[in-house]
Protein backbone atom coordinates (compact mmCIF):
# COMPACT_ATOMS: atom_id res chain seq x y z
CA MET A 1 118.11 85.61 81.20
CA ALA A 2 121.79 84.98 80.70
CA SER A 3 122.75 87.43 83.41
CA LYS A 4 121.17 85.12 85.96
CA THR A 5 122.68 81.96 84.59
CA LEU A 6 126.25 83.27 84.39
CA MET A 7 127.08 85.71 87.12
CA GLY A 8 130.45 86.28 88.76
CA ASP A 9 133.78 88.06 88.31
CA MET A 10 133.74 89.39 84.76
CA PRO A 11 134.41 92.70 83.01
CA GLU A 12 131.49 95.07 82.63
CA LEU A 13 131.62 94.64 78.86
CA MET A 14 131.12 90.87 79.16
CA GLU A 15 128.16 91.41 81.48
CA ASN A 16 126.53 93.78 79.01
CA ILE A 17 127.01 91.24 76.22
CA LEU A 18 125.33 88.47 78.24
CA ASN A 19 122.46 90.76 79.23
CA ASN A 20 121.72 91.49 75.58
CA LEU A 21 122.03 87.94 74.29
CA ASN A 22 118.81 86.85 76.00
CA LYS A 23 117.84 83.60 74.23
CA GLU A 24 120.33 83.63 71.37
CA ILE A 25 121.65 80.18 72.25
CA TYR A 26 124.62 79.93 69.89
CA SER A 27 125.99 83.35 70.78
CA LEU A 28 125.43 82.59 74.44
CA ARG A 29 127.36 79.32 74.09
CA SER A 30 130.35 81.14 72.60
CA CYS A 31 130.34 83.70 75.40
CA ALA A 32 129.97 80.96 78.00
CA LEU A 33 133.09 79.25 76.68
CA LEU A 34 134.98 82.54 76.72
CA PHE A 35 133.74 83.24 80.24
CA VAL A 36 134.90 79.88 81.65
CA GLU A 37 138.27 80.04 79.89
CA SER A 38 138.93 83.55 81.24
CA GLY A 39 139.48 82.16 84.74
CA ALA A 40 136.36 83.83 86.15
CA THR A 41 134.50 82.40 89.14
CA LEU A 42 130.78 82.01 89.67
CA TYR A 43 128.83 83.11 92.75
CA GLU A 44 125.29 82.35 91.61
CA LEU A 45 123.87 79.76 89.23
CA ASP A 46 120.17 80.00 88.39
CA LEU A 47 118.87 77.18 86.18
CA LEU A 48 115.18 77.49 86.99
CA ASN A 49 114.33 77.98 83.32
CA PRO A 50 114.36 74.85 81.13
CA ILE A 51 117.64 74.05 79.38
CA TYR A 52 117.24 71.56 76.56
CA GLU A 53 120.88 70.66 76.02
CA ILE A 54 124.34 71.63 77.17
CA ALA A 55 127.10 70.96 74.66
CA PRO A 56 129.73 68.35 75.66
CA ASP A 57 132.57 70.80 75.03
CA ILE A 58 131.16 73.12 77.71
CA PHE A 59 131.08 70.26 80.21
CA ASN A 60 134.64 69.31 79.29
CA LEU A 61 135.74 72.89 79.81
CA LEU A 62 133.97 73.08 83.17
CA GLU A 63 135.69 69.90 84.34
CA GLN A 64 139.08 71.32 83.33
CA ASN A 65 138.46 74.65 85.04
CA GLY A 66 137.35 73.61 88.50
CA GLN A 67 137.89 77.09 89.93
CA PHE A 68 134.86 78.30 87.95
CA PHE A 69 132.52 76.82 90.59
CA SER A 70 134.88 77.15 93.56
CA ARG A 71 133.12 80.22 94.97
CA LEU A 72 129.55 79.26 94.09
CA GLN A 73 127.19 80.28 96.93
CA ASN A 74 123.67 80.16 95.47
CA LEU A 75 122.38 77.29 93.33
CA SER A 76 118.85 77.07 91.92
CA LEU A 77 118.14 74.04 89.76
CA CYS A 78 114.86 73.09 88.08
CA LEU A 79 114.55 69.38 87.32
CA THR A 80 112.17 69.13 84.38
CA SER A 81 111.74 66.73 81.52
CA GLN A 82 113.16 69.47 79.30
CA PHE A 83 116.44 69.45 81.21
CA ARG A 84 118.09 66.25 80.05
CA ILE A 85 118.98 63.78 82.80
CA ASN A 86 122.56 63.38 81.59
CA ASN A 87 123.02 67.15 81.75
CA VAL A 88 121.65 67.26 85.29
CA THR A 89 123.77 64.42 86.60
CA THR A 90 126.96 65.60 84.90
CA LEU A 91 126.50 69.16 86.11
CA LEU A 92 125.78 68.07 89.69
CA LYS A 93 128.85 65.85 89.73
CA ILE A 94 131.03 68.73 88.57
CA LEU A 95 129.49 70.97 91.23
CA ALA A 96 129.92 68.41 94.00
CA LYS A 97 133.56 67.94 93.06
CA ASN A 98 134.49 71.59 92.86
CA THR A 99 132.39 73.57 95.31
CA THR A 100 131.95 73.43 99.06
CA LYS A 101 130.66 76.94 99.67
CA ILE A 102 127.00 76.71 98.60
CA ARG A 103 124.85 78.57 101.11
CA THR A 104 121.48 78.45 99.32
CA LEU A 105 120.24 75.35 97.48
CA GLN A 106 116.89 75.29 95.66
CA LEU A 107 115.65 72.15 93.92
CA ASP A 108 112.45 72.37 91.86
CA ALA A 109 110.82 69.38 90.18
CA LEU A 110 108.21 70.33 87.59
CA GLN A 111 106.24 68.68 84.79
CA LEU A 112 108.18 65.46 84.69
CA ASP A 113 107.50 62.55 82.40
CA GLU A 114 108.67 58.96 82.16
CA PHE A 115 112.06 60.13 80.88
CA TYR A 116 113.24 60.74 84.42
CA PHE A 117 111.99 57.72 86.28
CA GLY A 118 114.51 55.16 85.10
CA HIS A 119 117.37 57.55 85.93
CA GLU A 120 116.41 58.33 89.52
CA PRO A 121 119.02 55.92 91.01
CA GLN A 122 121.90 57.94 89.55
CA LEU A 123 120.32 61.36 90.12
CA ILE A 124 119.47 61.14 93.82
CA PRO A 125 122.93 59.96 95.02
CA THR A 126 124.48 62.87 93.13
CA ILE A 127 122.17 65.35 94.87
CA VAL A 128 122.90 63.71 98.22
CA TYR A 129 126.64 63.96 97.66
CA LEU A 130 126.31 67.61 96.71
CA ILE A 131 124.44 68.37 99.95
CA LYS A 132 126.90 66.46 102.11
CA SER A 133 129.94 68.12 100.57
CA GLN A 134 128.94 71.68 101.51
CA GLU A 135 130.57 73.39 104.48
CA GLN A 136 127.92 75.97 105.38
CA LEU A 137 124.55 75.24 103.74
CA ARG A 138 122.18 77.76 105.26
CA LYS A 139 119.01 77.63 103.14
CA PHE A 140 117.38 74.55 101.58
CA HIS A 141 114.26 74.80 99.38
CA LEU A 142 112.59 71.67 97.99
CA PHE A 143 109.65 72.19 95.65
CA GLU A 144 107.80 69.39 93.86
CA ASP A 145 104.91 69.61 91.43
CA ASP A 146 104.94 65.91 90.65
CA ASP A 147 104.71 63.40 93.49
CA ARG A 148 106.45 60.76 91.36
CA MET A 149 109.75 62.61 91.15
CA PHE A 150 111.55 61.44 94.25
CA ALA A 151 109.87 58.14 95.01
CA LYS A 152 112.40 57.58 97.81
CA PRO A 153 113.12 61.07 99.13
CA HIS A 154 114.51 59.96 102.47
CA SER A 155 118.13 59.99 101.32
CA ILE A 156 117.93 63.64 100.21
CA ILE A 157 116.26 64.73 103.45
CA ALA A 158 118.58 62.56 105.54
CA ALA A 159 121.56 64.29 103.94
CA LEU A 160 120.52 67.49 105.72
CA GLU A 161 121.80 65.87 108.89
CA TYR A 162 125.28 66.81 107.64
CA GLN A 163 124.21 70.46 107.65
CA LYS A 164 122.55 70.49 111.08
CA GLN A 165 124.92 73.11 112.47
CA SER A 166 124.62 75.59 109.61
CA LEU A 167 121.02 75.32 108.31
CA ARG A 168 118.99 78.44 109.06
CA GLU A 169 116.04 78.18 106.66
CA ILE A 170 113.96 75.27 105.33
CA ILE A 171 111.23 75.65 102.69
CA ILE A 172 108.95 72.64 102.12
CA ASP A 173 106.81 73.27 99.05
CA LYS A 174 104.24 70.74 97.75
CA CYS A 175 105.82 67.79 99.52
CA ASP A 176 102.67 66.22 100.96
CA TYR A 177 103.79 62.62 101.03
CA TYR A 178 106.88 63.20 103.19
CA ARG A 179 106.40 62.12 106.75
CA ALA A 180 108.98 60.97 109.30
CA GLU A 181 111.84 61.80 106.93
CA PHE A 182 111.64 65.40 108.11
CA ASP A 183 112.38 64.39 111.70
CA VAL A 184 116.01 64.96 110.81
CA LEU A 185 115.30 68.69 110.94
CA MET A 186 114.86 68.31 114.70
CA ASN A 187 118.64 68.08 114.87
CA CYS A 188 119.16 71.40 113.09
CA ARG A 189 120.08 73.30 116.22
CA ASN A 190 120.20 76.72 114.60
CA LEU A 191 117.13 76.52 112.34
CA GLU A 192 115.45 79.92 112.41
CA ILE A 193 113.04 79.93 109.47
CA LEU A 194 110.47 77.28 108.54
CA ARG A 195 108.18 77.76 105.54
CA ILE A 196 105.51 75.14 104.76
CA ILE A 197 103.81 75.99 101.47
CA ASN A 198 100.99 74.12 99.72
CA CYS A 199 101.49 71.04 101.89
CA ASP A 200 99.15 68.93 103.97
CA LEU A 201 99.44 70.26 107.51
CA LYS A 202 99.33 66.69 108.78
CA ILE A 203 103.06 66.79 108.13
CA LEU A 204 103.26 68.61 111.47
CA LYS A 205 101.36 65.81 113.17
CA THR A 206 103.26 62.90 111.65
CA THR A 207 106.74 64.38 112.16
CA SER A 208 108.61 66.08 114.98
CA LEU A 209 108.76 69.48 113.27
CA HIS A 210 106.51 70.91 115.96
CA LYS A 211 109.25 70.28 118.52
CA ILE A 212 111.73 72.71 116.98
CA LYS A 213 112.55 75.36 119.58
CA THR A 214 114.71 77.82 117.65
CA LEU A 215 112.29 79.34 115.14
CA LYS A 216 112.20 83.08 114.57
CA THR A 217 110.03 82.91 111.42
CA LEU A 218 107.10 80.59 110.69
CA GLU A 219 105.23 80.80 107.38
CA ILE A 220 102.38 78.44 106.54
CA ILE A 221 100.41 78.70 103.29
CA VAL A 222 97.85 75.92 102.77
CA ASN A 223 94.48 75.22 101.18
CA PRO A 224 91.69 75.16 101.97
CA VAL A 225 91.96 75.78 105.74
CA ILE A 226 94.62 76.07 108.45
CA ASP A 227 94.16 73.69 111.39
CA ALA A 228 95.29 75.61 114.46
CA PRO A 229 95.93 72.46 116.56
CA TYR A 230 98.71 71.46 114.15
CA ILE A 231 100.72 74.63 114.74
CA VAL A 232 100.11 75.64 118.36
CA GLU A 233 102.90 73.36 119.58
CA ILE A 234 105.35 75.10 117.24
CA LEU A 235 104.25 78.43 118.69
CA LYS A 236 104.64 77.19 122.25
CA ASN A 237 108.12 75.79 121.60
CA SER A 238 109.31 78.84 119.69
CA GLY A 239 107.96 81.13 122.38
CA ILE A 240 109.73 84.44 122.84
CA LEU A 241 112.11 83.75 119.93
CA LEU A 242 109.35 83.91 117.33
CA GLN A 243 109.36 87.26 115.53
CA ARG A 244 107.56 86.64 112.23
CA LEU A 245 104.34 84.71 111.73
CA LYS A 246 102.41 84.34 108.47
CA LEU A 247 99.31 82.13 108.16
CA GLU A 248 97.53 82.13 104.81
CA SER A 249 94.73 79.96 103.40
CA ASN A 250 91.63 80.11 101.24
CA LYS A 251 89.04 79.57 103.96
CA GLY A 252 90.55 80.82 107.16
CA ILE A 253 91.66 79.14 110.36
CA TRP A 254 89.96 76.22 112.09
CA GLU A 255 89.86 76.68 115.88
CA GLU A 256 90.94 80.27 115.44
CA SER A 257 90.30 81.05 119.11
CA LEU A 258 92.87 78.41 120.15
CA LEU A 259 95.48 80.00 117.90
CA LEU A 260 94.95 83.52 119.25
CA LYS A 261 94.87 82.22 122.80
CA THR A 262 98.24 80.52 122.25
CA ILE A 263 100.03 83.45 120.64
CA LYS A 264 99.12 85.94 123.34
CA PRO A 265 101.14 84.42 126.24
CA PHE A 266 103.76 82.42 124.35
CA CYS A 267 104.87 84.74 121.50
CA PRO A 268 104.98 88.33 122.82
CA ASN A 269 107.93 89.44 120.65
CA ILE A 270 106.32 89.16 117.21
CA ILE A 271 107.32 92.06 114.95
CA TYR A 272 105.61 90.77 111.76
CA LEU A 273 102.09 89.30 111.77
CA ASN A 274 100.02 88.22 108.75
CA PHE A 275 96.60 86.56 109.04
CA SER A 276 94.96 86.02 105.64
CA PRO A 277 92.07 85.58 106.32
CA ILE A 278 90.84 85.87 109.88
CA ASN A 279 87.70 86.83 111.77
CA PHE A 280 87.53 90.47 112.84
CA SER A 281 86.87 89.95 116.54
CA THR A 282 87.49 91.31 120.01
CA GLN A 283 89.93 88.46 120.68
CA LEU A 284 91.99 89.41 117.62
CA ILE A 285 92.07 93.06 118.68
CA GLU A 286 93.17 92.14 122.19
CA LEU A 287 96.02 90.02 120.79
CA ILE A 288 97.26 92.85 118.56
CA GLY A 289 97.18 95.23 121.50
CA ASN A 290 99.44 92.89 123.48
CA LEU A 291 102.11 92.65 120.77
CA HIS A 292 104.08 95.70 121.82
CA GLN A 293 106.98 94.96 119.43
CA LEU A 294 104.74 94.70 116.37
CA GLN A 295 106.01 96.70 113.36
CA PHE A 296 104.30 95.01 110.39
CA LEU A 297 100.65 93.94 110.40
CA THR A 298 98.62 92.38 107.57
CA LEU A 299 94.98 91.42 108.07
CA LEU A 300 92.49 90.04 105.57
CA CYS A 301 89.16 90.14 107.39
CA THR A 302 86.45 88.31 105.47
CA ARG A 303 83.73 88.01 108.11
CA TYR A 304 82.50 90.37 110.78
CA CYS A 305 79.59 91.04 113.13
CA THR A 306 76.16 91.73 111.67
CA PHE A 307 75.38 94.95 113.48
CA GLU A 308 76.99 98.05 111.98
CA LYS A 309 77.23 99.90 115.30
CA GLU A 310 79.11 97.02 116.93
CA PHE A 311 81.42 96.72 113.94
CA LYS A 312 82.29 100.42 114.04
CA LEU A 313 83.15 100.09 117.72
CA LEU A 314 85.54 97.24 116.91
CA ILE A 315 87.28 99.40 114.31
CA ILE A 316 87.71 102.18 116.87
CA GLN A 317 89.13 99.68 119.36
CA LEU A 318 91.61 98.41 116.76
CA ALA A 319 92.71 101.94 115.90
CA LYS A 320 93.32 102.81 119.53
CA ILE A 321 95.24 99.66 120.50
CA LEU A 322 97.63 99.51 117.53
CA PRO A 323 101.17 99.25 118.98
CA LEU A 324 103.19 102.44 118.86
CA LYS A 325 106.04 100.70 117.01
CA LEU A 326 103.76 99.79 114.10
CA GLN A 327 105.02 101.30 110.84
CA TYR A 328 103.32 99.09 108.22
CA LEU A 329 99.58 98.35 108.15
CA GLU A 330 97.92 96.30 105.40
CA LEU A 331 94.16 95.93 105.73
CA ARG A 332 92.06 93.93 103.27
CA GLY A 333 88.34 93.17 103.28
CA PRO A 334 85.07 94.61 101.93
CA TRP A 335 84.44 96.64 105.08
CA LEU A 336 87.31 98.95 104.12
CA ASN A 337 85.25 100.41 101.31
CA TYR A 338 83.27 102.41 103.81
CA TYR A 339 85.01 102.40 107.18
CA ILE A 340 88.72 103.16 106.73
CA TYR A 341 87.96 106.72 107.78
CA ILE A 342 86.89 105.51 111.22
CA LEU A 343 90.25 103.81 111.75
CA LEU A 344 92.26 106.80 110.52
CA ASN A 345 90.28 109.28 112.64
CA ASN A 346 91.05 107.27 115.79
CA CYS A 347 94.63 106.19 115.04
CA ASN A 348 97.67 107.91 116.59
CA VAL A 349 100.32 105.44 115.48
CA PRO A 350 103.19 106.89 113.37
CA LEU A 351 102.58 104.71 110.31
CA LYS A 352 104.95 104.92 107.35
CA LYS A 353 103.03 102.67 104.95
CA LEU A 354 99.30 101.96 104.67
CA LEU A 355 97.92 99.39 102.20
CA ILE A 356 94.20 99.07 101.43
CA ASN A 357 92.00 97.76 98.61
CA HIS A 358 90.75 101.19 97.58
CA LEU A 359 89.50 104.43 99.06
CA GLY A 360 85.92 103.17 98.96
CA ASN A 361 83.59 105.73 100.55
CA GLU A 362 85.63 108.42 98.88
CA GLU A 363 84.54 111.64 100.55
CA ASN A 364 84.92 110.40 104.13
CA ASN A 365 88.02 108.31 103.47
CA ILE A 366 89.91 110.95 101.50
CA GLU A 367 89.20 113.60 104.10
CA ALA A 368 90.28 111.27 106.91
CA LEU A 369 93.44 110.25 105.05
CA ILE A 370 94.50 113.85 104.46
CA GLU A 371 93.78 114.77 108.06
CA PHE A 372 95.79 111.76 109.27
CA CYS A 373 98.77 112.79 107.12
CA ILE A 374 98.68 116.32 108.51
CA ARG A 375 98.24 115.17 112.10
CA ILE A 376 100.73 112.27 112.21
CA LYS A 377 103.27 113.51 109.63
CA THR A 378 104.97 110.10 109.19
CA LEU A 379 102.95 108.44 106.41
CA ASN A 380 105.07 108.13 103.27
CA TYR A 381 103.03 105.78 101.07
CA VAL A 382 99.46 104.57 100.63
CA GLY A 383 99.26 101.39 98.56
CA LEU A 384 96.02 100.80 96.65
CA GLY A 385 94.81 97.52 95.20
CA ASN A 386 92.83 99.39 92.54
CA TYR A 387 95.50 101.98 91.80
CA SER A 388 95.08 101.69 88.02
CA TYR A 389 91.40 102.71 88.34
CA LEU A 390 92.04 105.66 90.65
CA ASP A 391 90.39 108.94 89.62
CA ARG A 392 93.03 111.44 88.50
CA ASN A 393 91.47 114.30 90.44
CA ILE A 394 91.46 112.29 93.65
CA LYS A 395 95.06 111.24 93.04
CA LYS A 396 96.10 114.85 92.48
CA GLU A 397 94.36 116.01 95.65
CA VAL A 398 95.71 113.28 97.95
CA GLU A 399 99.27 113.34 96.61
CA LYS A 400 99.73 116.82 98.02
CA TYR A 401 100.12 114.98 101.34
CA VAL A 402 101.19 111.38 100.61
CA ALA A 403 102.36 109.26 97.66
CA LEU A 404 99.77 106.88 96.20
CA VAL A 405 101.23 103.69 94.68
CA PRO A 406 100.14 100.19 93.63
CA CYS A 407 100.16 97.83 96.61
CA GLU A 408 102.70 95.50 95.02
CA ARG A 409 105.32 98.23 95.00
CA ILE A 410 105.49 98.56 98.79
CA ILE A 411 104.19 95.25 100.09
CA VAL A 412 106.25 93.67 102.88
CA ASP A 413 106.36 89.87 103.09
CA CYS A 414 107.54 87.49 105.74
């Protein structure tokens, strides 16, 4: 949308025009020229959608009106074969020359072809110069869907050394082949957020990332399995500073017991916890009970004990040990179809949001949910994964006490 591409100080009328232009390229070009010439400044530039060509007269105008980019703070740039290399390089050079205030930089490389490979020598130095020239870069996101894009990525990563005082968040997305280059992040003395997404977790073994001691948020999303030994050192070094932890995979956590054993003594101040999936076990319940600051909890439990009586006892234990500060509870797994009523009947925590797959064993669960709302009086929303299939009569009955909504409307992420 045009409103994302051109966003800054402009009259409301101009904004409405850009919003309605959508993909009318020629009209958009005319408005872009008018916008730049007006003396406006840009705060956010989002070029994540492919741009086939930028007219030379627009580039000339941008070069003549350097103030247009002087206040730019957020830059998102998608490097695709549809975004011509000359456009990319020219635009980055203009940016590097005229802006020093970028706080968030996102570089995505998608669906590249041979068009880019011969131009890499001129592209990478331009990116490096842009990174080095910023005064307070706080968030850096590098996403690659083609391992041929940056054949020599070390110069881009090494450039982050110039931002070691200001960097707060690093997102590494599909960058499996990077190894020691990321050691430079060890020098980022104020790094608070590390997100490793769709990468080989060996990156933690072959670099010094596990030695970072300032993390408040750690998010790891990998397939097919999370290897606990690769992340326990991060947890130990982060210690009491760590507040948000999200671990997500297709097939669970290898050496799960080691992970839970590490979190319990080293990371007592976690306020957000997301295990997707994890074993529903006594050890997990004991860990949750020891996280007294916990406010947001998401559990996807895919396996559990064979005996129904033992399983019900575990649910009761979970309900009774939930921290009193907990306000958001998201529970996923087939067992919820029948046993959510056991948790609600034994829970005294003042929840504000509850997210489940569906009401399952309807009579017991609906009765327990209504009783919980009346007894606790704090529950504002119940998010349902199958909201669109919810019986109207059930919805009408339950909504006398609490709002029922699709899960995606109220979900809380790390």
